[in-house]
Structure formats: structure tokens, C-alpha cells
Amino acid sequence: MENTTRPGTLGVEVSDRLSFVTFIIPYFARAYKMSRQEAYRYLKKYGGIDFLFEHWWALHTDNPFYAARDMFEICHQNGGLR
């Protein structure tokens, strides 16, 4: 097995996941006209964050528009307002 980390650094997968999450939450906020804080709270309250962390690998391969829309749909199904 190839070692993908150096002491004191994040693993490649963790780094990729953090990069995607720090990109997609502001993207979601802009798409739905929210501040970043409002978007994070909305996603956290209605299950979008859990969905994001569970499915980030598939979401990051898609167009960001569709990833944000999927996250919104999950939130809507869990009681989030349109």
C-alpha cells in the first residue's frame, strides 16, 4: 500500500474532501442567495451536510449546479423551505 501522507499532513482523501466542502458550501450559498453562515446552518439543520459528507465523492464529480441542487432537494425532503 502506498503511503499518501507525510507526518503532519492530511491524507489525500481528507484533503480532497475538505477542498470540495469548502468550495460547495459557498457555491450553494450563492446559488440560493444566502450568506455562507445561513447556507451552512440550513444544510446542517435539514440534513444537507450529512448528505454532503456521505456522498461527497460522487457529488464532486458532477457539475456544481447539480451537486447544489441535490443538496437542496435533500434539505427540502427533510423540511427545508423552497
PDB file of N, CA and C in Angstrom:
ATOM      1  N   MET A   1       0.845  -1.182   0.000  1.00  0.00           N
ATOM      2  CA  MET A   1       0.000   0.000   0.000  1.00  0.00           C
ATOM      3  C   MET A   1       0.889   1.245   0.000  1.00  0.00           C
ATOM      4  N   GLU A   2       0.559   2.178  -0.849  1.00  0.00           N
ATOM      5  CA  GLU A   2       1.335   3.401  -0.962  1.00  0.00           C
ATOM      6  C   GLU A   2       0.971   4.365   0.152  1.00  0.00           C
ATOM      7  N   ASN A   3       1.987   4.949   0.767  1.00  0.00           N
ATOM      8  CA  ASN A   3       1.757   5.932   1.816  1.00  0.00           C
ATOM      9  C   ASN A   3       1.474   7.279   1.164  1.00  0.00           C
ATOM     10  N   THR A   4       0.280   7.820   1.378  1.00  0.00           N
ATOM     11  CA  THR A   4      -0.113   9.071   0.733  1.00  0.00           C
ATOM     12  C   THR A   4      -0.018  10.262   1.667  1.00  0.00           C
ATOM     13  N   THR A   5       0.535  10.057   2.853  1.00  0.00           N
ATOM     14  CA  THR A   5       0.653  11.166   3.791  1.00  0.00           C
ATOM     15  C   THR A   5       2.079  11.288   4.293  1.00  0.00           C
ATOM     16  N   ARG A   6       2.403  12.480   4.674  1.00  0.00           N
ATOM     17  CA  ARG A   6       3.658  12.736   5.368  1.00  0.00           C
ATOM     18  C   ARG A   6       3.272  13.094   6.790  1.00  0.00           C
ATOM     19  N   PRO A   7       4.171  12.872   7.734  1.00  0.00           N
ATOM     20  CA  PRO A   7       3.841  13.266   9.111  1.00  0.00           C
ATOM     21  C   PRO A   7       3.448  14.745   9.169  1.00  0.00           C
ATOM     22  N   GLY A   8       2.360  15.031   9.850  1.00  0.00           N
ATOM     23  CA  GLY A   8       1.897  16.402   9.996  1.00  0.00           C
ATOM     24  C   GLY A   8       1.038  16.911   8.860  1.00  0.00           C
ATOM     25  N   THR A   9       0.681  16.049   7.898  1.00  0.00           N
ATOM     26  CA  THR A   9      -0.172  16.486   6.794  1.00  0.00           C
ATOM     27  C   THR A   9      -1.444  15.659   6.778  1.00  0.00           C
ATOM     28  N   LEU A  10      -2.424  16.178   6.077  1.00  0.00           N
ATOM     29  CA  LEU A  10      -3.681  15.454   5.914  1.00  0.00           C
ATOM     30  C   LEU A  10      -3.510  14.392   4.843  1.00  0.00           C
ATOM     31  N   GLY A  11      -4.290  13.354   4.923  1.00  0.00           N
ATOM     32  CA  GLY A  11      -4.304  12.367   3.862  1.00  0.00           C
ATOM     33  C   GLY A  11      -4.920  12.964   2.607  1.00  0.00           C
ATOM     34  N   VAL A  12      -4.662  12.337   1.476  1.00  0.00           N
ATOM     35  CA  VAL A  12      -5.164  12.835   0.198  1.00  0.00           C
ATOM     36  C   VAL A  12      -6.684  12.888   0.193  1.00  0.00           C
ATOM     37  N   GLU A  13      -7.341  11.844   0.664  1.00  0.00           N
ATOM     38  CA  GLU A  13      -8.806  11.831   0.654  1.00  0.00           C
ATOM     39  C   GLU A  13      -9.379  12.916   1.551  1.00  0.00           C
ATOM     40  N   VAL A  14      -8.810  13.090   2.725  1.00  0.00           N
ATOM     41  CA  VAL A  14      -9.297  14.123   3.641  1.00  0.00           C
ATOM     42  C   VAL A  14      -9.090  15.503   3.026  1.00  0.00           C
ATOM     43  N   SER A  15      -7.948  15.718   2.428  1.00  0.00           N
ATOM     44  CA  SER A  15      -7.659  16.987   1.778  1.00  0.00           C
ATOM     45  C   SER A  15      -8.627  17.250   0.623  1.00  0.00           C
ATOM     46  N   ASP A  16      -8.877  16.224  -0.186  1.00  0.00           N
ATOM     47  CA  ASP A  16      -9.831  16.371  -1.299  1.00  0.00           C
ATOM     48  C   ASP A  16     -11.236  16.672  -0.782  1.00  0.00           C
ATOM     49  N   ARG A  17     -11.636  15.989   0.266  1.00  0.00           N
ATOM     50  CA  ARG A  17     -12.969  16.200   0.835  1.00  0.00           C
ATOM     51  C   ARG A  17     -13.110  17.624   1.373  1.00  0.00           C
ATOM     52  N   LEU A  18     -12.095  18.079   2.110  1.00  0.00           N
ATOM     53  CA  LEU A  18     -12.142  19.439   2.644  1.00  0.00           C
ATOM     54  C   LEU A  18     -12.165  20.483   1.531  1.00  0.00           C
ATOM     55  N   SER A  19     -11.400  20.248   0.485  1.00  0.00           N
ATOM     56  CA  SER A  19     -11.393  21.175  -0.650  1.00  0.00           C
ATOM     57  C   SER A  19     -12.777  21.269  -1.275  1.00  0.00           C
ATOM     58  N   PHE A  20     -13.428  20.124  -1.454  1.00  0.00           N
ATOM     59  CA  PHE A  20     -14.754  20.128  -2.061  1.00  0.00           C
ATOM     60  C   PHE A  20     -15.778  20.806  -1.151  1.00  0.00           C
ATOM     61  N   VAL A  21     -15.752  20.471   0.116  1.00  0.00           N
ATOM     62  CA  VAL A  21     -16.721  21.047   1.060  1.00  0.00           C
ATOM     63  C   VAL A  21     -16.544  22.564   1.139  1.00  0.00           C
ATOM     64  N   THR A  22     -15.303  23.036   1.184  1.00  0.00           N
ATOM     65  CA  THR A  22     -15.077  24.480   1.268  1.00  0.00           C
ATOM     66  C   THR A  22     -15.394  25.189  -0.047  1.00  0.00           C
ATOM     67  N   PHE A  23     -15.535  24.442  -1.126  1.00  0.00           N
ATOM     68  CA  PHE A  23     -15.977  25.012  -2.394  1.00  0.00           C
ATOM     69  C   PHE A  23     -17.499  24.985  -2.509  1.00  0.00           C
ATOM     70  N   ILE A  24     -18.110  23.855  -2.169  1.00  0.00           N
ATOM     71  CA  ILE A  24     -19.535  23.667  -2.485  1.00  0.00           C
ATOM     72  C   ILE A  24     -20.465  24.446  -1.549  1.00  0.00           C
ATOM     73  N   ILE A  25     -20.094  24.649  -0.297  1.00  0.00           N
ATOM     74  CA  ILE A  25     -20.977  25.405   0.602  1.00  0.00           C
ATOM     75  C   ILE A  25     -21.102  26.863   0.145  1.00  0.00           C
ATOM     76  N   PRO A  26     -20.012  27.571  -0.169  1.00  0.00           N
ATOM     77  CA  PRO A  26     -20.184  28.923  -0.729  1.00  0.00           C
ATOM     78  C   PRO A  26     -20.915  28.920  -2.070  1.00  0.00           C
ATOM     79  N   TYR A  27     -20.700  27.900  -2.886  1.00  0.00           N
ATOM     80  CA  TYR A  27     -21.419  27.788  -4.158  1.00  0.00           C
ATOM     81  C   TYR A  27     -22.921  27.665  -3.885  1.00  0.00           C
ATOM     82  N   PHE A  28     -23.287  26.801  -2.947  1.00  0.00           N
ATOM     83  CA  PHE A  28     -24.682  26.621  -2.551  1.00  0.00           C
ATOM     84  C   PHE A  28     -25.253  27.946  -2.049  1.00  0.00           C
ATOM     85  N   ALA A  29     -24.487  28.648  -1.232  1.00  0.00           N
ATOM     86  CA  ALA A  29     -24.939  29.933  -0.685  1.00  0.00           C
ATOM     87  C   ALA A  29     -25.239  30.929  -1.803  1.00  0.00           C
ATOM     88  N   ARG A  30     -24.355  31.037  -2.776  1.00  0.00           N
ATOM     89  CA  ARG A  30     -24.588  31.952  -3.900  1.00  0.00           C
ATOM     90  C   ARG A  30     -25.796  31.520  -4.724  1.00  0.00           C
ATOM     91  N   ALA A  31     -25.905  30.226  -4.973  1.00  0.00           N
ATOM     92  CA  ALA A  31     -26.998  29.714  -5.808  1.00  0.00           C
ATOM     93  C   ALA A  31     -28.360  29.983  -5.177  1.00  0.00           C
ATOM     94  N   TYR A  32     -28.435  29.928  -3.867  1.00  0.00           N
ATOM     95  CA  TYR A  32     -29.715  30.104  -3.189  1.00  0.00           C
ATOM     96  C   TYR A  32     -29.798  31.418  -2.415  1.00  0.00           C
ATOM     97  N   LYS A  33     -28.918  32.346  -2.775  1.00  0.00           N
ATOM     98  CA  LYS A  33     -28.938  33.717  -2.244  1.00  0.00           C
ATOM     99  C   LYS A  33     -28.968  33.743  -0.713  1.00  0.00           C
ATOM    100  N   MET A  34     -27.978  33.074  -0.134  1.00  0.00           N
ATOM    101  CA  MET A  34     -27.802  33.040   1.317  1.00  0.00           C
ATOM    102  C   MET A  34     -26.375  33.469   1.633  1.00  0.00           C
ATOM    103  N   SER A  35     -26.150  33.870   2.862  1.00  0.00           N
ATOM    104  CA  SER A  35     -24.769  34.055   3.303  1.00  0.00           C
ATOM    105  C   SER A  35     -24.174  32.658   3.521  1.00  0.00           C
ATOM    106  N   ARG A  36     -22.887  32.585   3.639  1.00  0.00           N
ATOM    107  CA  ARG A  36     -22.252  31.278   3.900  1.00  0.00           C
ATOM    108  C   ARG A  36     -22.743  30.688   5.217  1.00  0.00           C
ATOM    109  N   GLN A  37     -22.890  31.549   6.217  1.00  0.00           N
ATOM    110  CA  GLN A  37     -23.352  31.070   7.520  1.00  0.00           C
ATOM    111  C   GLN A  37     -24.785  30.546   7.432  1.00  0.00           C
ATOM    112  N   GLU A  38     -25.647  31.272   6.727  1.00  0.00           N
ATOM    113  CA  GLU A  38     -27.029  30.819   6.557  1.00  0.00           C
ATOM    114  C   GLU A  38     -27.078  29.491   5.804  1.00  0.00           C
ATOM    115  N   ALA A  39     -26.255  29.377   4.767  1.00  0.00           N
ATOM    116  CA  ALA A  39     -26.223  28.141   3.984  1.00  0.00           C
ATOM    117  C   ALA A  39     -25.766  26.975   4.854  1.00  0.00           C
ATOM    118  N   TYR A  40     -24.701  27.179   5.633  1.00  0.00           N
ATOM    119  CA  TYR A  40     -24.222  26.102   6.500  1.00  0.00           C
ATOM    120  C   TYR A  40     -25.293  25.697   7.501  1.00  0.00           C
ATOM    121  N   ARG A  41     -25.935  26.670   8.136  1.00  0.00           N
ATOM    122  CA  ARG A  41     -26.987  26.350   9.125  1.00  0.00           C
ATOM    123  C   ARG A  41     -28.160  25.616   8.483  1.00  0.00           C
ATOM    124  N   TYR A  42     -28.553  26.059   7.298  1.00  0.00           N
ATOM    125  CA  TYR A  42     -29.645  25.411   6.566  1.00  0.00           C
ATOM    126  C   TYR A  42     -29.270  23.969   6.233  1.00  0.00           C
ATOM    127  N   LEU A  43     -28.073  23.782   5.688  1.00  0.00           N
ATOM    128  CA  LEU A  43     -27.618  22.435   5.327  1.00  0.00           C
ATOM    129  C   LEU A  43     -27.495  21.541   6.562  1.00  0.00           C
ATOM    130  N   LYS A  44     -27.002  22.097   7.646  1.00  0.00           N
ATOM    131  CA  LYS A  44     -26.850  21.330   8.883  1.00  0.00           C
ATOM    132  C   LYS A  44     -28.219  20.946   9.452  1.00  0.00           C
ATOM    133  N   LYS A  45     -29.133  21.891   9.488  1.00  0.00           N
ATOM    134  CA  LYS A  45     -30.452  21.657  10.088  1.00  0.00           C
ATOM    135  C   LYS A  45     -31.271  20.629   9.323  1.00  0.00           C
ATOM    136  N   TYR A  46     -31.173  20.631   7.991  1.00  0.00           N
ATOM    137  CA  TYR A  46     -32.046  19.787   7.175  1.00  0.00           C
ATOM    138  C   TYR A  46     -31.337  18.606   6.505  1.00  0.00           C
ATOM    139  N   GLY A  47     -30.168  18.232   6.990  1.00  0.00           N
ATOM    140  CA  GLY A  47     -29.520  17.010   6.527  1.00  0.00           C
ATOM    141  C   GLY A  47     -28.620  17.143   5.308  1.00  0.00           C
ATOM    142  N   GLY A  48     -28.464  18.350   4.796  1.00  0.00           N
ATOM    143  CA  GLY A  48     -27.608  18.535   3.628  1.00  0.00           C
ATOM    144  C   GLY A  48     -26.148  18.284   3.903  1.00  0.00           C
ATOM    145  N   ILE A  49     -25.682  18.650   5.096  1.00  0.00           N
ATOM    146  CA  ILE A  49     -24.272  18.417   5.456  1.00  0.00           C
ATOM    147  C   ILE A  49     -24.001  16.926   5.563  1.00  0.00           C
ATOM    148  N   ASP A  50     -24.902  16.196   6.209  1.00  0.00           N
ATOM    149  CA  ASP A  50     -24.721  14.741   6.313  1.00  0.00           C
ATOM    150  C   ASP A  50     -24.687  14.111   4.929  1.00  0.00           C
ATOM    151  N   PHE A  51     -25.596  14.536   4.054  1.00  0.00           N
ATOM    152  CA  PHE A  51     -25.620  14.045   2.677  1.00  0.00           C
ATOM    153  C   PHE A  51     -24.321  14.388   1.967  1.00  0.00           C
ATOM    154  N   LEU A  52     -23.844  15.606   2.155  1.00  0.00           N
ATOM    155  CA  LEU A  52     -22.596  16.049   1.532  1.00  0.00           C
ATOM    156  C   LEU A  52     -21.431  15.176   1.962  1.00  0.00           C
ATOM    157  N   PHE A  53     -21.284  14.941   3.261  1.00  0.00           N
ATOM    158  CA  PHE A  53     -20.157  14.137   3.729  1.00  0.00           C
ATOM    159  C   PHE A  53     -20.299  12.665   3.352  1.00  0.00           C
ATOM    160  N   GLU A  54     -21.514  12.181   3.283  1.00  0.00           N
ATOM    161  CA  GLU A  54     -21.713  10.776   2.918  1.00  0.00           C
ATOM    162  C   GLU A  54     -21.481  10.527   1.428  1.00  0.00           C
ATOM    163  N   HIS A  55     -21.838  11.501   0.599  1.00  0.00           N
ATOM    164  CA  HIS A  55     -21.783  11.300  -0.856  1.00  0.00           C
ATOM    165  C   HIS A  55     -20.830  12.256  -1.569  1.00  0.00           C
ATOM    166  N   TRP A  56     -19.887  12.832  -0.851  1.00  0.00           N
ATOM    167  CA  TRP A  56     -19.019  13.845  -1.443  1.00  0.00           C
ATOM    168  C   TRP A  56     -18.272  13.326  -2.661  1.00  0.00           C
ATOM    169  N   TRP A  57     -17.883  12.065  -2.632  1.00  0.00           N
ATOM    170  CA  TRP A  57     -17.096  11.522  -3.738  1.00  0.00           C
ATOM    171  C   TRP A  57     -17.899  11.570  -5.043  1.00  0.00           C
ATOM    172  N   ALA A  58     -19.143  11.190  -5.011  1.00  0.00           N
ATOM    173  CA  ALA A  58     -19.981  11.256  -6.215  1.00  0.00           C
ATOM    174  C   ALA A  58     -20.338  12.707  -6.553  1.00  0.00           C
ATOM    175  N   LEU A  59     -20.651  13.510  -5.543  1.00  0.00           N
ATOM    176  CA  LEU A  59     -21.042  14.893  -5.791  1.00  0.00           C
ATOM    177  C   LEU A  59     -19.924  15.704  -6.430  1.00  0.00           C
ATOM    178  N   HIS A  60     -18.694  15.438  -6.032  1.00  0.00           N
ATOM    179  CA  HIS A  60     -17.593  16.261  -6.548  1.00  0.00           C
ATOM    180  C   HIS A  60     -17.284  15.968  -8.007  1.00  0.00           C
ATOM    181  N   THR A  61     -17.772  14.843  -8.523  1.00  0.00           N
ATOM    182  CA  THR A  61     -17.525  14.523  -9.936  1.00  0.00           C
ATOM    183  C   THR A  61     -18.578  15.140 -10.846  1.00  0.00           C
ATOM    184  N   ASP A  62     -19.642  15.671 -10.253  1.00  0.00           N
ATOM    185  CA  ASP A  62     -20.741  16.237 -11.025  1.00  0.00           C
ATOM    186  C   ASP A  62     -20.548  17.746 -11.172  1.00  0.00           C
ATOM    187  N   ASN A  63     -21.332  18.334 -12.034  1.00  0.00           N
ATOM    188  CA  ASN A  63     -21.358  19.776 -12.185  1.00  0.00           C
ATOM    189  C   ASN A  63     -21.796  20.367 -10.840  1.00  0.00           C
ATOM    190  N   PRO A  64     -21.145  21.436 -10.361  1.00  0.00           N
ATOM    191  CA  PRO A  64     -21.529  22.011  -9.065  1.00  0.00           C
ATOM    192  C   PRO A  64     -23.004  22.411  -8.990  1.00  0.00           C
ATOM    193  N   PHE A  65     -23.589  22.817 -10.103  1.00  0.00           N
ATOM    194  CA  PHE A  65     -25.004  23.155 -10.124  1.00  0.00           C
ATOM    195  C   PHE A  65     -25.846  21.970  -9.668  1.00  0.00           C
ATOM    196  N   TYR A  66     -25.554  20.790 -10.196  1.00  0.00           N
ATOM    197  CA  TYR A  66     -26.325  19.601  -9.850  1.00  0.00           C
ATOM    198  C   TYR A  66     -26.034  19.137  -8.426  1.00  0.00           C
ATOM    199  N   ALA A  67     -24.794  19.289  -7.975  1.00  0.00           N
ATOM    200  CA  ALA A  67     -24.463  18.929  -6.593  1.00  0.00           C
ATOM    201  C   ALA A  67     -25.238  19.810  -5.625  1.00  0.00           C
ATOM    202  N   ALA A  68     -25.266  21.126  -5.881  1.00  0.00           N
ATOM    203  CA  ALA A  68     -26.007  22.050  -5.013  1.00  0.00           C
ATOM    204  C   ALA A  68     -27.502  21.744  -5.067  1.00  0.00           C
ATOM    205  N   ARG A  69     -28.013  21.450  -6.246  1.00  0.00           N
ATOM    206  CA  ARG A  69     -29.435  21.122  -6.384  1.00  0.00           C
ATOM    207  C   ARG A  69     -29.775  19.846  -5.610  1.00  0.00           C
ATOM    208  N   ASP A  70     -28.918  18.835  -5.694  1.00  0.00           N
ATOM    209  CA  ASP A  70     -29.153  17.594  -4.946  1.00  0.00           C
ATOM    210  C   ASP A  70     -29.166  17.857  -3.445  1.00  0.00           C
ATOM    211  N   MET A  71     -28.248  18.689  -2.973  1.00  0.00           N
ATOM    212  CA  MET A  71     -28.213  19.022  -1.556  1.00  0.00           C
ATOM    213  C   MET A  71     -29.484  19.760  -1.151  1.00  0.00           C
ATOM    214  N   PHE A  72     -29.947  20.667  -2.011  1.00  0.00           N
ATOM    215  CA  PHE A  72     -31.182  21.403  -1.733  1.00  0.00           C
ATOM    216  C   PHE A  72     -32.372  20.453  -1.677  1.00  0.00           C
ATOM    217  N   GLU A  73     -32.434  19.513  -2.591  1.00  0.00           N
ATOM    218  CA  GLU A  73     -33.550  18.553  -2.615  1.00  0.00           C
ATOM    219  C   GLU A  73     -33.571  17.709  -1.347  1.00  0.00           C
ATOM    220  N   ILE A  74     -32.410  17.284  -0.877  1.00  0.00           N
ATOM    221  CA  ILE A  74     -32.348  16.525   0.383  1.00  0.00           C
ATOM    222  C   ILE A  74     -32.894  17.383   1.524  1.00  0.00           C
ATOM    223  N   CYS A  75     -32.465  18.643   1.583  1.00  0.00           N
ATOM    224  CA  CYS A  75     -32.955  19.541   2.631  1.00  0.00           C
ATOM    225  C   CYS A  75     -34.465  19.736   2.525  1.00  0.00           C
ATOM    226  N   HIS A  76     -34.949  19.902   1.318  1.00  0.00           N
ATOM    227  CA  HIS A  76     -36.391  20.093   1.111  1.00  0.00           C
ATOM    228  C   HIS A  76     -37.170  18.856   1.586  1.00  0.00           C
ATOM    229  N   GLN A  77     -36.647  17.684   1.288  1.00  0.00           N
ATOM    230  CA  GLN A  77     -37.302  16.445   1.732  1.00  0.00           C
ATOM    231  C   GLN A  77     -37.322  16.329   3.252  1.00  0.00           C
ATOM    232  N   ASN A  78     -36.377  16.996   3.914  1.00  0.00           N
ATOM    233  CA  ASN A  78     -36.287  16.949   5.366  1.00  0.00           C
ATOM    234  C   ASN A  78     -36.912  18.163   6.036  1.00  0.00           C
ATOM    235  N   GLY A  79     -37.747  18.909   5.298  1.00  0.00           N
ATOM    236  CA  GLY A  79     -38.480  20.021   5.895  1.00  0.00           C
ATOM    237  C   GLY A  79     -37.974  21.405   5.574  1.00  0.00           C
ATOM    238  N   GLY A  80     -36.886  21.532   4.814  1.00  0.00           N
ATOM    239  CA  GLY A  80     -36.383  22.841   4.430  1.00  0.00           C
ATOM    240  C   GLY A  80     -37.347  23.519   3.470  1.00  0.00           C
ATOM    241  N   LEU A  81     -37.423  24.806   3.558  1.00  0.00           N
ATOM    242  CA  LEU A  81     -38.348  25.568   2.717  1.00  0.00           C
ATOM    243  C   LEU A  81     -37.744  25.802   1.346  1.00  0.00           C
ATOM    244  N   ARG A  82     -38.602  25.883   0.348  1.00  0.00           N
ATOM    245  CA  ARG A  82     -38.141  26.217  -1.010  1.00  0.00           C
ATOM    246  C   ARG A  82     -37.947  27.693  -1.113  1.00  0.00           C
TER     247      ARG A  82
END
